[in-house]
């Protein structure tokens, strides 16, 4: 299960080191790992991995919305030019 945590991070670092898209590398790494690595885990391991990635996705989604909300009030925008 540790490999499923480290491989996407390492593919991101490798892609960034080669000046390629790190996001695309994680996407294709996820497709490949879902096809080949996930079926090789036990049922309990599959449930734990899915729960872990669901928690991580939920937390990062909330973080994005917090940053969007902070940017609304954090910058001195001149809204009169928008209307």
Protein backbone atom coordinates (compact mmCIF):
# COMPACT_ATOMS: atom_id res chain seq x y z
CA UNK A 1 0.00 0.00 0.00
CA UNK A 2 2.94 2.32 0.56
CA UNK A 3 3.77 2.07 -3.14
CA UNK A 4 0.32 3.46 -3.98
CA UNK A 5 1.15 6.53 -1.91
CA UNK A 6 4.66 7.10 -3.24
CA UNK A 7 4.40 6.32 -6.96
CA UNK A 8 2.13 9.28 -7.91
CA UNK A 9 4.37 11.65 -6.00
CA UNK A 10 7.49 10.26 -7.68
CA UNK A 11 5.91 10.49 -11.14
CA UNK A 12 5.03 14.12 -10.42
CA UNK A 13 8.61 14.87 -9.36
CA UNK A 14 10.01 13.09 -12.39
CA UNK A 15 7.71 14.97 -14.77
CA UNK A 16 8.57 18.31 -13.17
CA UNK A 17 12.26 17.48 -13.37
CA UNK A 18 11.88 16.81 -17.08
CA UNK A 19 9.84 20.03 -17.46
CA UNK A 20 6.67 18.16 -18.43
CA UNK A 21 3.18 18.43 -16.99
CA UNK A 22 3.11 17.03 -13.47
CA UNK A 23 -0.69 17.04 -13.36
CA UNK A 24 -0.94 14.96 -16.53
CA UNK A 25 1.63 12.51 -15.18
CA UNK A 26 -0.41 12.00 -12.01
CA UNK A 27 -3.57 11.54 -14.09
CA UNK A 28 -2.06 8.82 -16.27
CA UNK A 29 -0.33 7.26 -13.27
CA UNK A 30 -3.73 7.03 -11.57
CA UNK A 31 -5.30 5.36 -14.61
CA UNK A 32 -2.47 2.85 -14.80
CA UNK A 33 -2.45 2.11 -11.08
CA UNK A 34 -6.24 1.65 -11.00
CA UNK A 35 -5.93 -0.86 -13.84
CA UNK A 36 -2.92 -2.84 -12.63
CA UNK A 37 -2.03 -2.13 -9.00
CA UNK A 38 -5.42 -1.90 -7.29
CA UNK A 39 -6.62 -5.42 -8.26
CA UNK A 40 -3.46 -6.87 -6.69
CA UNK A 41 -4.40 -5.61 -3.22
CA UNK A 42 -6.54 -7.44 -0.71
CA UNK A 43 -10.15 -6.36 -0.23
CA UNK A 44 -9.22 -4.58 2.99
CA UNK A 45 -6.31 -2.81 1.30
CA UNK A 46 -8.53 -1.66 -1.55
CA UNK A 47 -11.06 -0.21 0.91
CA UNK A 48 -8.34 1.59 2.86
CA UNK A 49 -6.77 3.08 -0.26
CA UNK A 50 -10.14 4.27 -1.56
CA UNK A 51 -11.01 5.81 1.82
CA UNK A 52 -7.64 7.51 2.05
CA UNK A 53 -7.87 9.04 -1.42
CA UNK A 54 -11.47 10.11 -0.80
CA UNK A 55 -10.41 11.92 2.39
CA UNK A 56 -7.47 13.56 0.62
CA UNK A 57 -9.66 14.65 -2.32
CA UNK A 58 -12.32 16.05 0.02
CA UNK A 59 -9.78 18.03 2.03
CA UNK A 60 -8.04 19.47 -1.02
CA UNK A 61 -11.38 20.41 -2.56
CA UNK A 62 -12.24 22.30 0.61
CA UNK A 63 -8.83 23.97 0.55
CA UNK A 64 -9.42 25.19 -2.99
CA UNK A 65 -12.73 26.75 -1.98
CA UNK A 66 -11.12 28.38 1.05
CA UNK A 67 -8.50 29.95 -1.23
CA UNK A 68 -11.18 31.11 -3.64
CA UNK A 69 -13.10 32.70 -0.77
CA UNK A 70 -9.98 34.34 0.62
CA UNK A 71 -9.06 35.76 -2.77
CA UNK A 72 -12.45 37.40 -3.03
CA UNK A 73 -11.71 39.56 0.01
CA UNK A 74 -7.92 39.46 0.06
CA UNK A 75 -7.27 41.54 -3.04
CA UNK A 76 -8.10 45.17 -3.59
CA UNK A 77 -10.18 44.74 -6.73
CA UNK A 78 -11.98 47.64 -8.27
CA UNK A 79 -15.40 46.15 -8.93
CA UNK A 80 -16.72 49.32 -10.53
CA UNK A 81 -14.77 48.45 -13.68
CA UNK A 82 -16.52 45.09 -13.99
CA UNK A 83 -20.04 46.49 -14.37
